Amino acid sequence: LFQPPHCPELNPIEQVWQYLKRRFRWHLPKTLEELRQWMTQKIQALSPETIASITGRASILEALSVAGI
């Protein structure tokens, strides 16, 4: 599946990272370990339904359906 360079909006994992970054804005970890724990907790809390809603962009779904995936 062709993806133009520098198009993070077409990469589903980038959408997940944007979702996490928006929740991280006001969190100020004091240590790297605190940051790791926070990220681990947030990633583990993502349900398949939440991930589908984040990555289910119409353009991505259309491209996948055309590719037969």
PDB file of N, CA and C in Angstrom:
ATOM      1  N   LEU A   1       0.851  -1.173   0.000  1.00  0.00           N
ATOM      2  CA  LEU A   1       0.000   0.000   0.000  1.00  0.00           C
ATOM      3  C   LEU A   1       0.893   1.230   0.000  1.00  0.00           C
ATOM      4  N   PHE A   2       0.803   2.040  -1.026  1.00  0.00           N
ATOM      5  CA  PHE A   2       1.655   3.219  -1.152  1.00  0.00           C
ATOM      6  C   PHE A   2       1.294   4.270  -0.113  1.00  0.00           C
ATOM      7  N   GLN A   3       2.309   4.802   0.544  1.00  0.00           N
ATOM      8  CA  GLN A   3       2.147   5.935   1.460  1.00  0.00           C
ATOM      9  C   GLN A   3       3.160   6.993   1.077  1.00  0.00           C
ATOM     10  N   PRO A   4       2.692   8.200   0.766  1.00  0.00           N
ATOM     11  CA  PRO A   4       3.640   9.259   0.454  1.00  0.00           C
ATOM     12  C   PRO A   4       4.530   9.543   1.663  1.00  0.00           C
ATOM     13  N   PRO A   5       5.771   9.962   1.443  1.00  0.00           N
ATOM     14  CA  PRO A   5       6.641  10.288   2.578  1.00  0.00           C
ATOM     15  C   PRO A   5       6.090  11.480   3.341  1.00  0.00           C
ATOM     16  N   HIS A   6       6.359  11.518   4.604  1.00  0.00           N
ATOM     17  CA  HIS A   6       5.969  12.637   5.477  1.00  0.00           C
ATOM     18  C   HIS A   6       4.465  12.839   5.528  1.00  0.00           C
ATOM     19  N   CYS A   7       3.712  11.756   5.586  1.00  0.00           N
ATOM     20  CA  CYS A   7       2.255  11.824   5.717  1.00  0.00           C
ATOM     21  C   CYS A   7       1.814  11.019   6.936  1.00  0.00           C
ATOM     22  N   PRO A   8       2.095  11.524   8.137  1.00  0.00           N
ATOM     23  CA  PRO A   8       1.740  10.749   9.331  1.00  0.00           C
ATOM     24  C   PRO A   8       0.237  10.526   9.485  1.00  0.00           C
ATOM     25  N   GLU A   9      -0.579  11.390   8.869  1.00  0.00           N
ATOM     26  CA  GLU A   9      -2.023  11.204   8.982  1.00  0.00           C
ATOM     27  C   GLU A   9      -2.505   9.940   8.290  1.00  0.00           C
ATOM     28  N   LEU A  10      -1.670   9.356   7.423  1.00  0.00           N
ATOM     29  CA  LEU A  10      -2.027   8.115   6.750  1.00  0.00           C
ATOM     30  C   LEU A  10      -1.533   6.876   7.490  1.00  0.00           C
ATOM     31  N   ASN A  11      -0.720   7.066   8.514  1.00  0.00           N
ATOM     32  CA  ASN A  11      -0.159   5.950   9.260  1.00  0.00           C
ATOM     33  C   ASN A  11      -0.975   5.769  10.545  1.00  0.00           C
ATOM     34  N   PRO A  12      -1.698   4.663  10.685  1.00  0.00           N
ATOM     35  CA  PRO A  12      -2.570   4.478  11.853  1.00  0.00           C
ATOM     36  C   PRO A  12      -1.858   4.613  13.201  1.00  0.00           C
ATOM     37  N   ILE A  13      -0.615   4.143  13.319  1.00  0.00           N
ATOM     38  CA  ILE A  13       0.065   4.242  14.614  1.00  0.00           C
ATOM     39  C   ILE A  13       0.315   5.692  14.997  1.00  0.00           C
ATOM     40  N   GLU A  14       0.508   6.543  14.004  1.00  0.00           N
ATOM     41  CA  GLU A  14       0.689   7.970  14.294  1.00  0.00           C
ATOM     42  C   GLU A  14      -0.578   8.569  14.887  1.00  0.00           C
ATOM     43  N   GLN A  15      -1.716   8.061  14.462  1.00  0.00           N
ATOM     44  CA  GLN A  15      -2.991   8.531  15.026  1.00  0.00           C
ATOM     45  C   GLN A  15      -3.092   8.131  16.499  1.00  0.00           C
ATOM     46  N   VAL A  16      -2.631   6.930  16.820  1.00  0.00           N
ATOM     47  CA  VAL A  16      -2.650   6.476  18.219  1.00  0.00           C
ATOM     48  C   VAL A  16      -1.715   7.341  19.055  1.00  0.00           C
ATOM     49  N   TRP A  17      -0.513   7.660  18.525  1.00  0.00           N
ATOM     50  CA  TRP A  17       0.422   8.507  19.272  1.00  0.00           C
ATOM     51  C   TRP A  17      -0.164   9.896  19.499  1.00  0.00           C
ATOM     52  N   GLN A  18      -0.854  10.449  18.504  1.00  0.00           N
ATOM     53  CA  GLN A  18      -1.488  11.758  18.671  1.00  0.00           C
ATOM     54  C   GLN A  18      -2.545  11.708  19.774  1.00  0.00           C
ATOM     55  N   TYR A  19      -3.309  10.641  19.799  1.00  0.00           N
ATOM     56  CA  TYR A  19      -4.327  10.436  20.830  1.00  0.00           C
ATOM     57  C   TYR A  19      -3.679  10.442  22.221  1.00  0.00           C
ATOM     58  N   LEU A  20      -2.571   9.707  22.365  1.00  0.00           N
ATOM     59  CA  LEU A  20      -1.880   9.646  23.657  1.00  0.00           C
ATOM     60  C   LEU A  20      -1.249  10.991  24.017  1.00  0.00           C
ATOM     61  N   LYS A  21      -0.671  11.664  23.043  1.00  0.00           N
ATOM     62  CA  LYS A  21      -0.042  12.964  23.316  1.00  0.00           C
ATOM     63  C   LYS A  21      -1.051  13.985  23.809  1.00  0.00           C
ATOM     64  N   ARG A  22      -2.272  13.965  23.256  1.00  0.00           N
ATOM     65  CA  ARG A  22      -3.300  14.908  23.711  1.00  0.00           C
ATOM     66  C   ARG A  22      -3.644  14.668  25.172  1.00  0.00           C
ATOM     67  N   ARG A  23      -3.602  13.418  25.624  1.00  0.00           N
ATOM     68  CA  ARG A  23      -3.886  13.114  27.028  1.00  0.00           C
ATOM     69  C   ARG A  23      -2.689  13.393  27.930  1.00  0.00           C
ATOM     70  N   PHE A  24      -1.531  13.484  27.355  1.00  0.00           N
ATOM     71  CA  PHE A  24      -0.299  13.677  28.113  1.00  0.00           C
ATOM     72  C   PHE A  24       0.009  15.152  28.383  1.00  0.00           C
ATOM     73  N   ARG A  25      -0.632  16.054  27.659  1.00  0.00           N
ATOM     74  CA  ARG A  25      -0.285  17.479  27.714  1.00  0.00           C
ATOM     75  C   ARG A  25      -0.097  18.041  29.118  1.00  0.00           C
ATOM     76  N   TRP A  26      -0.987  17.727  30.020  1.00  0.00           N
ATOM     77  CA  TRP A  26      -0.944  18.341  31.346  1.00  0.00           C
ATOM     78  C   TRP A  26      -0.322  17.430  32.399  1.00  0.00           C
ATOM     79  N   HIS A  27       0.210  16.314  31.977  1.00  0.00           N
ATOM     80  CA  HIS A  27       0.885  15.394  32.899  1.00  0.00           C
ATOM     81  C   HIS A  27       2.372  15.732  32.917  1.00  0.00           C
ATOM     82  N   LEU A  28       2.904  15.976  34.086  1.00  0.00           N
ATOM     83  CA  LEU A  28       4.317  16.357  34.203  1.00  0.00           C
ATOM     84  C   LEU A  28       5.086  15.319  35.022  1.00  0.00           C
ATOM     85  N   PRO A  29       5.586  14.288  34.364  1.00  0.00           N
ATOM     86  CA  PRO A  29       6.328  13.267  35.108  1.00  0.00           C
ATOM     87  C   PRO A  29       7.634  13.841  35.647  1.00  0.00           C
ATOM     88  N   LYS A  30       7.981  13.406  36.826  1.00  0.00           N
ATOM     89  CA  LYS A  30       9.220  13.888  37.452  1.00  0.00           C
ATOM     90  C   LYS A  30      10.424  13.030  37.071  1.00  0.00           C
ATOM     91  N   THR A  31      10.153  11.786  36.681  1.00  0.00           N
ATOM     92  CA  THR A  31      11.243  10.882  36.315  1.00  0.00           C
ATOM     93  C   THR A  31      10.880  10.130  35.034  1.00  0.00           C
ATOM     94  N   LEU A  32      11.894   9.554  34.429  1.00  0.00           N
ATOM     95  CA  LEU A  32      11.665   8.741  33.247  1.00  0.00           C
ATOM     96  C   LEU A  32      10.818   7.515  33.600  1.00  0.00           C
ATOM     97  N   GLU A  33      11.029   6.964  34.764  1.00  0.00           N
ATOM     98  CA  GLU A  33      10.254   5.801  35.198  1.00  0.00           C
ATOM     99  C   GLU A  33       8.769   6.165  35.351  1.00  0.00           C
ATOM    100  N   GLU A  34       8.486   7.333  35.874  1.00  0.00           N
ATOM    101  CA  GLU A  34       7.093   7.777  35.991  1.00  0.00           C
ATOM    102  C   GLU A  34       6.458   7.928  34.603  1.00  0.00           C
ATOM    103  N   LEU A  35       7.219   8.438  33.662  1.00  0.00           N
ATOM    104  CA  LEU A  35       6.743   8.565  32.284  1.00  0.00           C
ATOM    105  C   LEU A  35       6.455   7.180  31.699  1.00  0.00           C
ATOM    106  N   ARG A  36       7.372   6.245  31.919  1.00  0.00           N
ATOM    107  CA  ARG A  36       7.174   4.875  31.416  1.00  0.00           C
ATOM    108  C   ARG A  36       5.924   4.242  32.003  1.00  0.00           C
ATOM    109  N   GLN A  37       5.721   4.426  33.294  1.00  0.00           N
ATOM    110  CA  GLN A  37       4.552   3.851  33.948  1.00  0.00           C
ATOM    111  C   GLN A  37       3.264   4.460  33.414  1.00  0.00           C
ATOM    112  N   TRP A  38       3.263   5.763  33.236  1.00  0.00           N
ATOM    113  CA  TRP A  38       2.077   6.448  32.717  1.00  0.00           C
ATOM    114  C   TRP A  38       1.745   5.949  31.314  1.00  0.00           C
ATOM    115  N   MET A  39       2.778   5.886  30.447  1.00  0.00           N
ATOM    116  CA  MET A  39       2.559   5.435  29.070  1.00  0.00           C
ATOM    117  C   MET A  39       2.093   3.981  29.042  1.00  0.00           C
ATOM    118  N   THR A  40       2.703   3.134  29.837  1.00  0.00           N
ATOM    119  CA  THR A  40       2.301   1.726  29.894  1.00  0.00           C
ATOM    120  C   THR A  40       0.847   1.606  30.308  1.00  0.00           C
ATOM    121  N   GLN A  41       0.457   2.348  31.325  1.00  0.00           N
ATOM    122  CA  GLN A  41      -0.927   2.309  31.805  1.00  0.00           C
ATOM    123  C   GLN A  41      -1.897   2.766  30.710  1.00  0.00           C
ATOM    124  N   LYS A  42      -1.576   3.852  30.038  1.00  0.00           N
ATOM    125  CA  LYS A  42      -2.473   4.379  29.001  1.00  0.00           C
ATOM    126  C   LYS A  42      -2.553   3.448  27.794  1.00  0.00           C
ATOM    127  N   ILE A  43      -1.437   2.868  27.397  1.00  0.00           N
ATOM    128  CA  ILE A  43      -1.441   1.958  26.249  1.00  0.00           C
ATOM    129  C   ILE A  43      -2.218   0.688  26.577  1.00  0.00           C
ATOM    130  N   GLN A  44      -2.025   0.148  27.778  1.00  0.00           N
ATOM    131  CA  GLN A  44      -2.739  -1.066  28.165  1.00  0.00           C
ATOM    132  C   GLN A  44      -4.234  -0.818  28.317  1.00  0.00           C
ATOM    133  N   ALA A  45      -4.620   0.418  28.589  1.00  0.00           N
ATOM    134  CA  ALA A  45      -6.037   0.748  28.762  1.00  0.00           C
ATOM    135  C   ALA A  45      -6.769   0.906  27.426  1.00  0.00           C
ATOM    136  N   LEU A  46      -6.025   0.963  26.324  1.00  0.00           N
ATOM    137  CA  LEU A  46      -6.665   1.118  25.016  1.00  0.00           C
ATOM    138  C   LEU A  46      -7.362  -0.182  24.620  1.00  0.00           C
ATOM    139  N   SER A  47      -8.653  -0.103  24.431  1.00  0.00           N
ATOM    140  CA  SER A  47      -9.399  -1.280  23.989  1.00  0.00           C
ATOM    141  C   SER A  47      -9.346  -1.361  22.466  1.00  0.00           C
ATOM    142  N   PRO A  48      -9.627  -2.529  21.912  1.00  0.00           N
ATOM    143  CA  PRO A  48      -9.673  -2.637  20.448  1.00  0.00           C
ATOM    144  C   PRO A  48     -10.676  -1.654  19.827  1.00  0.00           C
ATOM    145  N   GLU A  49     -11.773  -1.410  20.527  1.00  0.00           N
ATOM    146  CA  GLU A  49     -12.777  -0.470  20.021  1.00  0.00           C
ATOM    147  C   GLU A  49     -12.226   0.957  19.982  1.00  0.00           C
ATOM    148  N   THR A  50     -11.474   1.330  21.020  1.00  0.00           N
ATOM    149  CA  THR A  50     -10.885   2.668  21.057  1.00  0.00           C
ATOM    150  C   THR A  50      -9.857   2.821  19.947  1.00  0.00           C
ATOM    151  N   ILE A  51      -9.022   1.823  19.769  1.00  0.00           N
ATOM    152  CA  ILE A  51      -8.014   1.882  18.707  1.00  0.00           C
ATOM    153  C   ILE A  51      -8.693   1.969  17.344  1.00  0.00           C
ATOM    154  N   ALA A  52      -9.754   1.202  17.147  1.00  0.00           N
ATOM    155  CA  ALA A  52     -10.479   1.254  15.877  1.00  0.00           C
ATOM    156  C   ALA A  52     -11.073   2.638  15.646  1.00  0.00           C
ATOM    157  N   SER A  53     -11.581   3.259  16.702  1.00  0.00           N
ATOM    158  CA  SER A  53     -12.166   4.593  16.528  1.00  0.00           C
ATOM    159  C   SER A  53     -11.093   5.641  16.236  1.00  0.00           C
ATOM    160  N   ILE A  54      -9.897   5.454  16.783  1.00  0.00           N
ATOM    161  CA  ILE A  54      -8.802   6.397  16.538  1.00  0.00           C
ATOM    162  C   ILE A  54      -8.262   6.235  15.115  1.00  0.00           C
ATOM    163  N   THR A  55      -8.080   5.001  14.700  1.00  0.00           N
ATOM    164  CA  THR A  55      -7.430   4.738  13.412  1.00  0.00           C
ATOM    165  C   THR A  55      -8.409   4.563  12.264  1.00  0.00           C
ATOM    166  N   GLY A  56      -9.691   4.520  12.558  1.00  0.00           N
ATOM    167  CA  GLY A  56     -10.694   4.252  11.534  1.00  0.00           C
ATOM    168  C   GLY A  56     -11.032   5.451  10.679  1.00  0.00           C
ATOM    169  N   ARG A  57     -10.044   6.128  10.168  1.00  0.00           N
ATOM    170  CA  ARG A  57     -10.266   7.253   9.273  1.00  0.00           C
ATOM    171  C   ARG A  57     -10.826   6.733   7.951  1.00  0.00           C
ATOM    172  N   ALA A  58     -11.770   7.440   7.409  1.00  0.00           N
ATOM    173  CA  ALA A  58     -12.422   7.012   6.173  1.00  0.00           C
ATOM    174  C   ALA A  58     -11.405   6.767   5.059  1.00  0.00           C
ATOM    175  N   SER A  59     -10.420   7.649   4.932  1.00  0.00           N
ATOM    176  CA  SER A  59      -9.432   7.485   3.861  1.00  0.00           C
ATOM    177  C   SER A  59      -8.590   6.225   4.054  1.00  0.00           C
ATOM    178  N   ILE A  60      -8.253   5.910   5.307  1.00  0.00           N
ATOM    179  CA  ILE A  60      -7.463   4.702   5.586  1.00  0.00           C
ATOM    180  C   ILE A  60      -8.302   3.461   5.308  1.00  0.00           C
ATOM    181  N   LEU A  61      -9.542   3.467   5.785  1.00  0.00           N
ATOM    182  CA  LEU A  61     -10.408   2.311   5.561  1.00  0.00           C
ATOM    183  C   LEU A  61     -10.674   2.096   4.077  1.00  0.00           C
ATOM    184  N   GLU A  62     -10.854   3.165   3.343  1.00  0.00           N
ATOM    185  CA  GLU A  62     -11.080   3.049   1.902  1.00  0.00           C
ATOM    186  C   GLU A  62      -9.848   2.472   1.214  1.00  0.00           C
ATOM    187  N   ALA A  63      -8.665   2.949   1.574  1.00  0.00           N
ATOM    188  CA  ALA A  63      -7.431   2.443   0.970  1.00  0.00           C
ATOM    189  C   ALA A  63      -7.251   0.963   1.270  1.00  0.00           C
ATOM    190  N   LEU A  64      -7.564   0.544   2.492  1.00  0.00           N
ATOM    191  CA  LEU A  64      -7.429  -0.856   2.846  1.00  0.00           C
ATOM    192  C   LEU A  64      -8.429  -1.730   2.093  1.00  0.00           C
ATOM    193  N   SER A  65      -9.637  -1.223   1.916  1.00  0.00           N
ATOM    194  CA  SER A  65     -10.643  -2.017   1.208  1.00  0.00           C
ATOM    195  C   SER A  65     -10.269  -2.161  -0.276  1.00  0.00           C
ATOM    196  N   VAL A  66      -9.701  -1.132  -0.854  1.00  0.00           N
ATOM    197  CA  VAL A  66      -9.267  -1.200  -2.245  1.00  0.00           C
ATOM    198  C   VAL A  66      -8.103  -2.182  -2.393  1.00  0.00           C
ATOM    199  N   ALA A  67      -7.237  -2.206  -1.375  1.00  0.00           N
ATOM    200  CA  ALA A  67      -6.073  -3.096  -1.423  1.00  0.00           C
ATOM    201  C   ALA A  67      -6.450  -4.542  -1.137  1.00  0.00           C
ATOM    202  N   GLY A  68      -7.696  -4.772  -0.688  1.00  0.00           N
ATOM    203  CA  GLY A  68      -8.136  -6.130  -0.409  1.00  0.00           C
ATOM    204  C   GLY A  68      -7.666  -6.653   0.930  1.00  0.00           C
ATOM    205  N   ILE A  69      -7.356  -5.743   1.838  1.00  0.00           N
ATOM    206  CA  ILE A  69      -6.873  -6.155   3.171  1.00  0.00           C
ATOM    207  C   ILE A  69      -8.043  -6.229   4.125  1.00  0.00           C
TER     208      ILE A  69
END
